[in-house]
Amino acid sequence: MVKIFIGGLPDNIQEMDLAIFVSLHGRVETIKVVRDRATGKCKGYAFLEIFSLPDAKNIVSTLNGESFKGNIITVKISEEENKTQAFKPKANQPFKAKRPRLQR
């Protein structure tokens, strides 16, 4: 699954409207419209899980910069995917081992 970000959504967006709009270009697995807890209005963005990378790339290339319900939307593959990878030291910096803890 590939997570994509969609920004620039109107505050009255419904998940079903977004699902129909996006699913014309790729298979959508889940939708999470981010809403204000107090008012229930959309904060202007959502995250979608797309079945495959080719579908996600097609959605991004087709819908980024398009108009949806009167707003120009931004669509991109979410950077959150990189956060789940294991820690790797930078190539130009040597890895420093931590000092061992004293056993009591």
C-alpha atoms as a PDB file:
ATOM      1  CA  MET A   1       0.000   0.000   0.000  1.00  0.00           C
ATOM      2  CA  VAL A   2       1.137   3.509  -0.780  1.00  0.00           C
ATOM      3  CA  LYS A   3      -0.034   6.503   1.209  1.00  0.00           C
ATOM      4  CA  ILE A   4      -0.794   9.722  -0.653  1.00  0.00           C
ATOM      5  CA  PHE A   5      -1.534  13.219   0.623  1.00  0.00           C
ATOM      6  CA  ILE A   6      -4.253  15.421  -0.853  1.00  0.00           C
ATOM      7  CA  GLY A   7      -4.289  19.075   0.193  1.00  0.00           C
ATOM      8  CA  GLY A   8      -6.461  22.046  -0.683  1.00  0.00           C
ATOM      9  CA  LEU A   9      -9.765  20.327   0.092  1.00  0.00           C
ATOM     10  CA  PRO A  10     -12.881  22.364   0.959  1.00  0.00           C
ATOM     11  CA  ASP A  11     -14.048  22.286   4.593  1.00  0.00           C
ATOM     12  CA  ASN A  12     -17.319  20.529   3.743  1.00  0.00           C
ATOM     13  CA  ILE A  13     -15.775  17.551   1.911  1.00  0.00           C
ATOM     14  CA  GLN A  14     -17.310  14.096   2.351  1.00  0.00           C
ATOM     15  CA  GLU A  15     -15.236  10.916   2.186  1.00  0.00           C
ATOM     16  CA  MET A  16     -17.502   9.394  -0.460  1.00  0.00           C
ATOM     17  CA  ASP A  17     -17.109  12.394  -2.791  1.00  0.00           C
ATOM     18  CA  LEU A  18     -13.333  12.161  -2.501  1.00  0.00           C
ATOM     19  CA  ALA A  19     -13.387   8.370  -2.988  1.00  0.00           C
ATOM     20  CA  ILE A  20     -15.398   8.660  -6.184  1.00  0.00           C
ATOM     21  CA  PHE A  21     -13.173  11.443  -7.537  1.00  0.00           C
ATOM     22  CA  VAL A  22      -9.890   9.612  -6.855  1.00  0.00           C
ATOM     23  CA  SER A  23     -11.004   6.047  -7.649  1.00  0.00           C
ATOM     24  CA  LEU A  24     -11.435   6.960 -11.314  1.00  0.00           C
ATOM     25  CA  HIS A  25      -7.623   6.961 -11.535  1.00  0.00           C
ATOM     26  CA  GLY A  26      -6.583   4.127  -9.187  1.00  0.00           C
ATOM     27  CA  ARG A  27      -7.754   1.642  -6.566  1.00  0.00           C
ATOM     28  CA  VAL A  28      -8.328   3.343  -3.204  1.00  0.00           C
ATOM     29  CA  GLU A  29      -8.108   1.174  -0.068  1.00  0.00           C
ATOM     30  CA  THR A  30      -8.682   3.681   2.765  1.00  0.00           C
ATOM     31  CA  ILE A  31      -9.449   7.375   3.174  1.00  0.00           C
ATOM     32  CA  LYS A  32      -8.745   9.547   6.212  1.00  0.00           C
ATOM     33  CA  VAL A  33     -10.030  13.113   5.925  1.00  0.00           C
ATOM     34  CA  VAL A  34      -8.419  15.141   8.727  1.00  0.00           C
ATOM     35  CA  ARG A  35     -11.095  17.064  10.607  1.00  0.00           C
ATOM     36  CA  ASP A  36     -11.245  19.650  13.388  1.00  0.00           C
ATOM     37  CA  ARG A  37     -12.370  17.906  16.582  1.00  0.00           C
ATOM     38  CA  ALA A  38     -14.587  20.756  17.743  1.00  0.00           C
ATOM     39  CA  THR A  39     -16.403  21.590  14.502  1.00  0.00           C
ATOM     40  CA  GLY A  40     -16.047  18.414  12.435  1.00  0.00           C
ATOM     41  CA  LYS A  41     -14.980  20.475   9.423  1.00  0.00           C
ATOM     42  CA  CYS A  42     -12.188  19.294   7.167  1.00  0.00           C
ATOM     43  CA  LYS A  43      -8.828  20.910   7.902  1.00  0.00           C
ATOM     44  CA  GLY A  44      -8.142  20.973   4.168  1.00  0.00           C
ATOM     45  CA  TYR A  45      -6.261  17.737   3.665  1.00  0.00           C
ATOM     46  CA  ALA A  46      -6.617  13.966   3.650  1.00  0.00           C
ATOM     47  CA  PHE A  47      -4.517  10.811   3.451  1.00  0.00           C
ATOM     48  CA  LEU A  48      -5.423   7.906   1.196  1.00  0.00           C
ATOM     49  CA  GLU A  49      -3.949   4.434   1.007  1.00  0.00           C
ATOM     50  CA  ILE A  50      -3.665   3.278  -2.577  1.00  0.00           C
ATOM     51  CA  PHE A  51      -3.433  -0.385  -3.568  1.00  0.00           C
ATOM     52  CA  SER A  52      -0.269  -0.160  -5.669  1.00  0.00           C
ATOM     53  CA  LEU A  53       2.559   2.206  -6.525  1.00  0.00           C
ATOM     54  CA  PRO A  54       1.574   2.460 -10.226  1.00  0.00           C
ATOM     55  CA  ASP A  55      -1.972   3.451  -9.169  1.00  0.00           C
ATOM     56  CA  ALA A  56      -0.572   6.032  -6.732  1.00  0.00           C
ATOM     57  CA  LYS A  57       1.725   7.515  -9.373  1.00  0.00           C
ATOM     58  CA  ASN A  58      -1.182   7.705 -11.823  1.00  0.00           C
ATOM     59  CA  ILE A  59      -3.352   9.498  -9.242  1.00  0.00           C
ATOM     60  CA  VAL A  60      -0.584  11.989  -8.440  1.00  0.00           C
ATOM     61  CA  SER A  61       0.247  12.747 -12.068  1.00  0.00           C
ATOM     62  CA  THR A  62      -3.400  13.068 -13.088  1.00  0.00           C
ATOM     63  CA  LEU A  63      -4.908  14.974 -10.151  1.00  0.00           C
ATOM     64  CA  ASN A  64      -2.124  17.237  -8.862  1.00  0.00           C
ATOM     65  CA  GLY A  65      -3.080  20.830  -9.687  1.00  0.00           C
ATOM     66  CA  GLU A  66      -6.614  19.920 -10.762  1.00  0.00           C
ATOM     67  CA  SER A  67      -9.801  21.590  -9.523  1.00  0.00           C
ATOM     68  CA  PHE A  68     -12.038  19.723  -7.057  1.00  0.00           C
ATOM     69  CA  LYS A  69     -15.214  21.349  -5.729  1.00  0.00           C
ATOM     70  CA  GLY A  70     -13.851  24.789  -6.613  1.00  0.00           C
ATOM     71  CA  ASN A  71     -10.394  24.333  -5.045  1.00  0.00           C
ATOM     72  CA  ILE A  72      -7.061  23.558  -6.689  1.00  0.00           C
ATOM     73  CA  ILE A  73      -5.735  20.433  -4.980  1.00  0.00           C
ATOM     74  CA  THR A  74      -2.204  19.241  -4.281  1.00  0.00           C
ATOM     75  CA  VAL A  75      -1.626  15.502  -4.569  1.00  0.00           C
ATOM     76  CA  LYS A  76       1.653  13.795  -3.708  1.00  0.00           C
ATOM     77  CA  ILE A  77       3.022  10.557  -2.345  1.00  0.00           C
ATOM     78  CA  SER A  78       3.239  10.968   1.423  1.00  0.00           C
ATOM     79  CA  GLU A  79       6.645  11.461   3.021  1.00  0.00           C
ATOM     80  CA  GLU A  80       5.419   9.453   6.007  1.00  0.00           C
ATOM     81  CA  GLU A  81       6.634   6.297   4.260  1.00  0.00           C
ATOM     82  CA  ASN A  82      10.249   7.354   4.927  1.00  0.00           C
ATOM     83  CA  LYS A  83       9.688   7.716   8.676  1.00  0.00           C
ATOM     84  CA  THR A  84       9.039   4.008   9.118  1.00  0.00           C
ATOM     85  CA  GLN A  85      12.447   2.958   7.786  1.00  0.00           C
ATOM     86  CA  ALA A  86      15.160   1.894  10.213  1.00  0.00           C
ATOM     87  CA  PHE A  87      17.735   4.440  11.375  1.00  0.00           C
ATOM     88  CA  LYS A  88      20.774   4.701   9.137  1.00  0.00           C
ATOM     89  CA  PRO A  89      23.690   7.039   9.896  1.00  0.00           C
ATOM     90  CA  LYS A  90      24.582   9.560   7.234  1.00  0.00           C
ATOM     91  CA  ALA A  91      27.232   8.421   4.785  1.00  0.00           C
ATOM     92  CA  ASN A  92      29.683  11.215   5.598  1.00  0.00           C
ATOM     93  CA  GLN A  93      29.424  10.845   9.382  1.00  0.00           C
ATOM     94  CA  PRO A  94      30.931   7.951  11.321  1.00  0.00           C
ATOM     95  CA  PHE A  95      28.566   6.027  13.557  1.00  0.00           C
ATOM     96  CA  LYS A  96      29.180   6.669  17.261  1.00  0.00           C
ATOM     97  CA  ALA A  97      28.528   3.752  19.558  1.00  0.00           C
ATOM     98  CA  LYS A  98      26.793   4.588  22.815  1.00  0.00           C
ATOM     99  CA  ARG A  99      28.614   4.192  26.084  1.00  0.00           C
ATOM    100  CA  PRO A 100      27.637   0.895  27.767  1.00  0.00           C
ATOM    101  CA  ARG A 101      25.405   1.156  30.811  1.00  0.00           C
ATOM    102  CA  LEU A 102      26.662   0.129  34.187  1.00  0.00           C
ATOM    103  CA  GLN A 103      24.960  -2.912  35.608  1.00  0.00           C
ATOM    104  CA  ARG A 104      23.800  -2.686  39.199  1.00  0.00           C
END
